N, C-alpha and C. Protein backbone atom coordinates (compact mmCIF):
# COMPACT_ATOMS: atom_id res chain seq x y z
N UNK A 1 0.94 -1.01 0.05
CA UNK A 1 0.08 -0.22 0.07
C UNK A 1 0.64 1.37 0.11
N UNK A 2 0.53 2.07 -0.68
CA UNK A 2 1.44 3.58 -0.75
C UNK A 2 1.04 4.24 0.56
N UNK A 3 2.35 4.79 1.07
CA UNK A 3 2.38 5.49 2.40
C UNK A 3 2.75 6.97 2.08
N UNK A 4 2.05 7.75 2.96
CA UNK A 4 2.42 9.01 2.97
C UNK A 4 3.57 9.43 3.02
N UNK A 5 3.88 10.29 1.87
CA UNK A 5 5.37 11.07 1.58
C UNK A 5 5.70 10.09 0.23
N UNK A 6 5.15 8.87 0.00
CA UNK A 6 6.07 7.93 -0.89
C UNK A 6 5.79 8.90 -1.87
N UNK A 7 6.11 8.67 -3.64
CA UNK A 7 6.14 9.02 -4.50
C UNK A 7 4.61 8.33 -5.13
N UNK A 8 4.10 8.76 -6.04
CA UNK A 8 2.99 8.40 -6.53
C UNK A 8 3.70 7.53 -7.92
N UNK A 9 3.16 6.35 -8.23
CA UNK A 9 3.91 5.60 -9.34
C UNK A 9 2.60 5.62 -10.24
N UNK A 10 2.69 6.27 -11.57
CA UNK A 10 1.82 6.24 -12.69
C UNK A 10 1.64 4.97 -13.18
N UNK A 11 0.14 4.75 -13.72
CA UNK A 11 0.13 3.55 -13.93
C UNK A 11 -1.17 4.10 -15.15
N UNK A 12 -1.12 3.36 -16.52
CA UNK A 12 -1.91 3.99 -17.57
C UNK A 12 -3.02 2.67 -17.77
N UNK A 13 -4.35 3.04 -17.90
CA UNK A 13 -5.47 2.26 -18.43
C UNK A 13 -5.27 1.73 -19.69
N UNK A 14 -5.61 0.35 -20.05
CA UNK A 14 -5.44 -0.29 -21.06
C UNK A 14 -6.32 0.81 -22.26
N UNK A 15 -5.67 0.93 -23.48
CA UNK A 15 -6.44 1.83 -24.20
C UNK A 15 -7.54 1.39 -24.76
N UNK A 16 -8.40 2.24 -24.57
CA UNK A 16 -9.73 2.02 -25.15
C UNK A 16 -10.60 1.51 -24.14
N UNK A 17 -10.19 1.76 -22.86
CA UNK A 17 -11.14 0.86 -21.67
C UNK A 17 -11.63 1.72 -20.97
N UNK A 18 -12.61 1.34 -20.24
CA UNK A 18 -13.28 2.33 -19.17
C UNK A 18 -13.04 1.94 -17.78
N UNK A 19 -11.68 1.69 -17.66
CA UNK A 19 -10.95 1.35 -16.15
C UNK A 19 -10.16 2.60 -15.51
N UNK A 20 -10.56 3.72 -15.72
CA UNK A 20 -9.81 5.24 -15.10
C UNK A 20 -9.81 4.83 -13.77
N UNK A 21 -11.61 4.47 -13.05
CA UNK A 21 -11.57 4.45 -11.52
C UNK A 21 -11.03 3.66 -11.03
N UNK A 22 -10.65 2.23 -11.63
CA UNK A 22 -9.75 1.20 -11.16
C UNK A 22 -8.36 1.55 -11.24
N UNK A 23 -7.76 1.74 -12.03
CA UNK A 23 -6.65 2.33 -12.43
C UNK A 23 -6.18 3.44 -11.19
N UNK A 24 -7.05 4.38 -10.96
CA UNK A 24 -6.46 5.39 -9.83
C UNK A 24 -6.76 4.66 -8.54
N UNK A 25 -7.40 4.01 -8.30
CA UNK A 25 -7.44 2.94 -7.07
C UNK A 25 -5.98 2.19 -6.87
N UNK A 26 -5.37 1.70 -8.08
CA UNK A 26 -4.35 1.15 -8.41
C UNK A 26 -3.28 2.01 -7.74
N UNK A 27 -3.38 3.08 -8.44
CA UNK A 27 -2.38 4.21 -8.12
C UNK A 27 -2.12 4.47 -6.95
N UNK A 28 -3.32 4.85 -6.16
CA UNK A 28 -3.41 5.20 -4.81
C UNK A 28 -2.86 4.13 -3.87
N UNK A 29 -3.51 3.42 -4.18
CA UNK A 29 -2.77 2.18 -3.01
C UNK A 29 -1.33 1.31 -3.45
N UNK A 30 -1.04 1.71 -4.58
CA UNK A 30 0.26 1.04 -5.01
C UNK A 30 0.19 -0.33 -5.43
N UNK A 31 -1.06 -0.90 -5.65
CA UNK A 31 -1.13 -1.94 -6.33
C UNK A 31 -1.18 -2.13 -7.61
N UNK A 32 -1.53 -3.44 -8.10
CA UNK A 32 -1.66 -3.76 -9.76
C UNK A 32 -3.15 -3.32 -10.09
N UNK A 33 -3.11 -3.25 -11.53
CA UNK A 33 -4.65 -3.12 -11.80
C UNK A 33 -5.59 -4.29 -11.52
N UNK A 34 -5.00 -5.30 -12.01
CA UNK A 34 -5.78 -6.58 -11.57
C UNK A 34 -6.32 -6.87 -9.98
N UNK A 35 -5.55 -6.23 -9.14
CA UNK A 35 -5.70 -6.24 -7.38
C UNK A 35 -7.17 -5.01 -7.58
N UNK A 36 -6.75 -4.05 -8.18
CA UNK A 36 -7.54 -3.08 -7.89
C UNK A 36 -8.93 -3.18 -8.50
N UNK A 37 -8.86 -3.91 -9.64
CA UNK A 37 -10.48 -4.48 -10.20
C UNK A 37 -10.98 -5.23 -9.28
N UNK A 38 -10.07 -6.30 -8.63
CA UNK A 38 -10.86 -7.18 -7.56
C UNK A 38 -11.51 -6.47 -6.35
N UNK A 39 -10.62 -5.10 -5.96
CA UNK A 39 -11.12 -4.43 -4.96
C UNK A 39 -12.17 -3.71 -5.00
N UNK A 40 -12.36 -3.02 -6.52
CA UNK A 40 -13.68 -2.63 -7.10
C UNK A 40 -14.71 -3.51 -7.02
N UNK A 41 -14.48 -4.16 -7.40
CA UNK A 41 -15.66 -5.69 -7.78
C UNK A 41 -16.13 -5.83 -9.17
N UNK A 42 -15.77 -5.02 -9.98
CA UNK A 42 -16.00 -5.01 -11.49
C UNK A 42 -15.03 -4.13 -12.51
N UNK A 43 -15.18 -4.66 -13.88
CA UNK A 43 -14.72 -3.83 -14.82
C UNK A 43 -15.52 -2.97 -15.37
N UNK A 44 -14.69 -1.92 -15.65
CA UNK A 44 -15.49 -0.92 -16.36
C UNK A 44 -16.04 0.24 -15.46
N UNK A 45 -17.24 0.92 -16.19
CA UNK A 45 -17.55 2.19 -15.24
C UNK A 45 -17.42 2.10 -13.92
N UNK A 46 -17.26 3.00 -13.00
CA UNK A 46 -17.43 2.96 -11.70
C UNK A 46 -17.98 4.13 -11.47
N UNK A 47 -19.14 3.87 -10.08
CA UNK A 47 -19.57 5.26 -9.34
C UNK A 47 -18.35 5.80 -8.37
N UNK A 48 -18.93 6.59 -7.68
CA UNK A 48 -18.41 7.25 -6.22
C UNK A 48 -18.42 6.03 -5.34
N UNK A 49 -19.43 5.48 -5.26
CA UNK A 49 -19.74 4.40 -4.23
C UNK A 49 -18.78 3.37 -4.35
N UNK A 50 -18.58 2.86 -5.76
CA UNK A 50 -17.61 1.62 -5.92
C UNK A 50 -16.42 2.06 -5.26
N UNK A 51 -15.55 3.14 -5.71
CA UNK A 51 -14.41 3.85 -5.67
C UNK A 51 -13.93 3.69 -4.44
N UNK A 52 -15.38 4.42 -3.32
CA UNK A 52 -15.05 4.97 -1.80
C UNK A 52 -14.77 3.54 -1.14
N UNK A 53 -15.91 2.63 -1.60
CA UNK A 53 -15.72 0.99 -0.74
C UNK A 53 -14.37 0.49 -1.13
N UNK A 54 -14.02 0.41 -2.35
CA UNK A 54 -12.75 -0.13 -2.38
C UNK A 54 -11.46 0.39 -1.80
N UNK A 55 -11.54 2.00 -1.61
CA UNK A 55 -10.13 2.64 -1.08
C UNK A 55 -10.53 2.00 0.39
N UNK A 56 -11.78 1.94 1.27
CA UNK A 56 -11.90 1.63 2.12
C UNK A 56 -11.57 0.04 2.53
N UNK A 57 -11.72 -0.58 1.69
CA UNK A 57 -11.22 -2.21 1.85
C UNK A 57 -9.72 -2.11 1.89
N UNK A 58 -9.15 -1.16 1.06
CA UNK A 58 -7.73 -0.98 1.21
C UNK A 58 -6.77 -0.36 2.31
N UNK A 59 -7.82 0.24 3.00
CA UNK A 59 -7.19 0.83 4.10
C UNK A 59 -7.37 2.48 4.45
N UNK A 60 -7.71 3.00 3.17
CA UNK A 60 -7.76 4.46 3.38
C UNK A 60 -9.35 4.90 3.30
N UNK A 61 -9.02 6.38 4.00
CA UNK A 61 -10.39 6.70 4.24
C UNK A 61 -10.89 7.79 3.36
N UNK A 62 -12.27 7.79 2.83
CA UNK A 62 -12.85 8.90 2.22
C UNK A 62 -14.32 9.21 2.50
N UNK A 63 -14.70 10.13 2.19
CA UNK A 63 -16.26 10.29 2.36
C UNK A 63 -16.88 9.42 1.17
N UNK A 64 -18.17 9.57 1.44
CA UNK A 64 -19.12 9.07 0.43
C UNK A 64 -19.47 9.13 -0.81
N UNK A 65 -19.34 10.57 -0.58
CA UNK A 65 -19.83 11.39 -1.95
C UNK A 65 -18.53 12.30 -2.39
N UNK A 66 -18.58 12.84 -3.83
CA UNK A 66 -17.59 13.70 -4.18
C UNK A 66 -18.06 15.24 -3.36
N UNK A 67 -17.28 16.05 -3.39
CA UNK A 67 -17.34 17.50 -3.10
C UNK A 67 -17.39 18.28 -4.35
N UNK A 68 -18.18 19.24 -4.62
CA UNK A 68 -18.19 19.94 -6.00
C UNK A 68 -16.99 20.77 -5.77
N UNK A 69 -16.21 21.00 -6.87
CA UNK A 69 -14.64 21.99 -6.88
C UNK A 69 -15.29 23.12 -6.98
N UNK A 70 -14.68 23.85 -6.04
CA UNK A 70 -14.93 25.38 -5.96
C UNK A 70 -13.66 26.43 -6.22
N UNK A 71 -12.82 25.94 -6.61
CA UNK A 71 -11.26 26.68 -7.10
C UNK A 71 -10.13 26.16 -6.01
N UNK A 72 -10.65 24.97 -5.23
CA UNK A 72 -9.45 24.64 -4.45
C UNK A 72 -9.71 23.05 -4.16
N UNK A 73 -8.87 22.11 -4.23
CA UNK A 73 -8.57 21.19 -3.64
C UNK A 73 -8.85 20.82 -1.97
N UNK A 74 -9.30 19.78 -1.98
CA UNK A 74 -9.25 19.75 -0.18
C UNK A 74 -8.00 19.10 0.71
N UNK A 75 -7.64 18.51 -0.24
CA UNK A 75 -6.43 18.03 0.58
C UNK A 75 -5.28 17.33 -0.77
N UNK A 76 -4.33 17.05 -0.03
CA UNK A 76 -2.86 16.78 -0.84
C UNK A 76 -2.99 15.69 -1.57
N UNK A 77 -3.96 14.74 -1.50
CA UNK A 77 -4.39 13.48 -2.06
C UNK A 77 -5.68 13.41 -2.00
N UNK A 78 -6.34 13.25 -3.53
CA UNK A 78 -7.54 13.34 -4.22
C UNK A 78 -8.06 12.87 -5.37
N UNK A 79 -9.00 12.22 -5.14
CA UNK A 79 -9.20 11.73 -6.29
C UNK A 79 -10.21 12.46 -7.29
N UNK A 80 -9.90 12.74 -8.42
CA UNK A 80 -10.93 14.17 -9.03
C UNK A 80 -11.50 13.52 -10.22
N UNK A 81 -12.90 13.92 -10.43
CA UNK A 81 -13.66 13.89 -11.54
C UNK A 81 -13.46 15.16 -12.48
N UNK A 82 -12.78 14.61 -13.69
CA UNK A 82 -12.66 15.77 -15.08
C UNK A 82 -13.97 15.52 -15.91
N UNK A 83 -14.56 17.01 -15.72
CA UNK A 83 -15.50 16.99 -16.95
C UNK A 83 -16.91 15.88 -16.86
N UNK A 84 -17.02 15.59 -15.35
CA UNK A 84 -17.90 14.90 -14.83
C UNK A 84 -17.97 13.58 -15.37
N UNK A 85 -16.70 12.80 -15.97
CA UNK A 85 -16.96 11.56 -16.55
C UNK A 85 -15.87 10.88 -16.19
N UNK A 86 -14.70 11.32 -15.95
CA UNK A 86 -13.25 10.75 -15.95
C UNK A 86 -12.38 10.98 -14.50
N UNK A 87 -12.00 9.80 -14.08
CA UNK A 87 -11.21 9.84 -12.82
C UNK A 87 -9.51 10.24 -13.12
N UNK A 88 -9.08 11.21 -12.13
CA UNK A 88 -7.76 11.20 -12.07
C UNK A 88 -7.16 11.40 -10.64
N UNK A 89 -5.96 11.07 -10.16
CA UNK A 89 -5.42 11.48 -9.11
C UNK A 89 -4.76 12.31 -8.97
N UNK A 90 -5.07 13.24 -7.92
CA UNK A 90 -4.22 14.57 -7.75
C UNK A 90 -3.29 14.26 -6.55
N UNK A 91 -2.07 14.30 -6.61
CA UNK A 91 -1.20 14.21 -5.36
C UNK A 91 0.04 15.49 -5.53
N UNK A 92 0.23 15.83 -4.44
CA UNK A 92 1.66 16.69 -4.40
C UNK A 92 1.61 17.67 -5.61
N UNK A 93 0.47 18.41 -5.89
CA UNK A 93 0.61 19.37 -6.78
C UNK A 93 0.55 18.95 -8.45
N UNK A 94 0.30 17.46 -8.53
CA UNK A 94 0.40 16.87 -9.75
C UNK A 94 -1.05 16.16 -9.79
N UNK A 95 -1.48 16.23 -11.22
CA UNK A 95 -2.61 15.29 -11.74
C UNK A 95 -1.96 13.91 -12.52
N UNK A 96 -2.58 12.76 -12.05
CA UNK A 96 -2.15 11.79 -12.79
C UNK A 96 -3.17 11.15 -13.41
N UNK A 97 -3.10 11.35 -14.67
CA UNK A 97 -4.44 10.71 -15.46
C UNK A 97 -4.20 9.38 -16.16
N UNK A 98 -4.98 8.53 -15.85
CA UNK A 98 -4.82 7.25 -16.27
C UNK A 98 -4.94 6.70 -17.74
N UNK A 99 -5.18 7.83 -18.27
CA UNK A 99 -5.76 7.81 -20.00
C UNK A 99 -4.30 8.51 -20.60
N UNK A 100 -3.93 9.59 -20.14
CA UNK A 100 -2.80 10.32 -20.72
C UNK A 100 -1.46 10.69 -19.94
N UNK A 101 -1.35 10.33 -18.95
CA UNK A 101 -0.02 10.47 -18.07
C UNK A 101 -0.07 11.56 -17.00
N UNK A 102 1.16 11.86 -16.44
CA UNK A 102 1.41 13.13 -15.61
C UNK A 102 0.89 14.45 -16.60
N UNK A 103 -0.18 15.04 -15.81
CA UNK A 103 -0.70 16.39 -16.52
C UNK A 103 0.04 17.29 -15.72
N UNK A 104 0.58 18.38 -16.70
CA UNK A 104 1.28 19.61 -15.85
C UNK A 104 0.66 20.71 -16.08
N UNK A 105 -0.69 20.47 -16.29
CA UNK A 105 -1.39 21.46 -16.67
C UNK A 105 -2.89 21.20 -15.52
N UNK A 106 -4.00 22.42 -15.19
CA UNK A 106 -4.99 22.01 -14.64
C UNK A 106 -6.24 21.44 -15.61
N UNK A 107 -6.79 19.80 -15.25
CA UNK A 107 -7.55 19.62 -16.16
C UNK A 107 -9.32 20.21 -15.43
N UNK A 108 -10.03 20.17 -16.22
CA UNK A 108 -11.21 20.52 -16.04
C UNK A 108 -11.88 19.79 -14.60
N UNK A 109 -11.58 20.27 -13.43
CA UNK A 109 -11.94 19.16 -12.01
C UNK A 109 -13.43 19.79 -11.91
N UNK A 110 -14.49 19.02 -11.78
CA UNK A 110 -15.96 19.33 -11.43
C UNK A 110 -16.02 18.92 -10.25
N UNK A 111 -15.43 18.01 -9.59
CA UNK A 111 -15.57 17.54 -8.16
C UNK A 111 -14.41 16.64 -7.75
N UNK A 112 -14.25 16.19 -6.39
CA UNK A 112 -13.33 15.51 -5.95
C UNK A 112 -13.70 14.82 -4.48
N UNK A 113 -12.61 14.10 -4.32
CA UNK A 113 -13.05 13.03 -3.12
C UNK A 113 -11.48 13.09 -2.69
N UNK A 114 -11.48 13.72 -1.17
CA UNK A 114 -10.59 13.55 -0.45
C UNK A 114 -10.24 11.99 0.19
N UNK A 115 -8.77 12.00 0.18
CA UNK A 115 -8.34 10.60 0.54
C UNK A 115 -7.24 10.76 1.93
N UNK A 116 -7.58 9.94 2.59
CA UNK A 116 -6.70 10.12 3.78
C UNK A 116 -6.06 8.25 3.89
N UNK A 117 -4.83 8.55 4.26
CA UNK A 117 -3.94 7.30 4.56
C UNK A 117 -3.87 6.92 5.88
């Protein structure tokens, strides 16, 4: 499992897949994509509930619902919803996008889920 202060390791979801949620869980927890799919309980599109339950199973804390983005992210580690349809991880000032890689710009975050370790 990832520990506070450790560097985030970028993982990319398979091209053409709907595994961004599972890939983000894998990045946050420091596990493989297959382990994250097992924790989430399904392949493909995920809900906030799916993600929150998986993160809790893996020892992380988070709310049941996302918070609407109002110009500030709530913590140093967040799972962000971009354009209301895609999950990315925010950690230490960088966005880890499972479809495109590390983003050096601010994506269009619509909401986020704070993650505690």
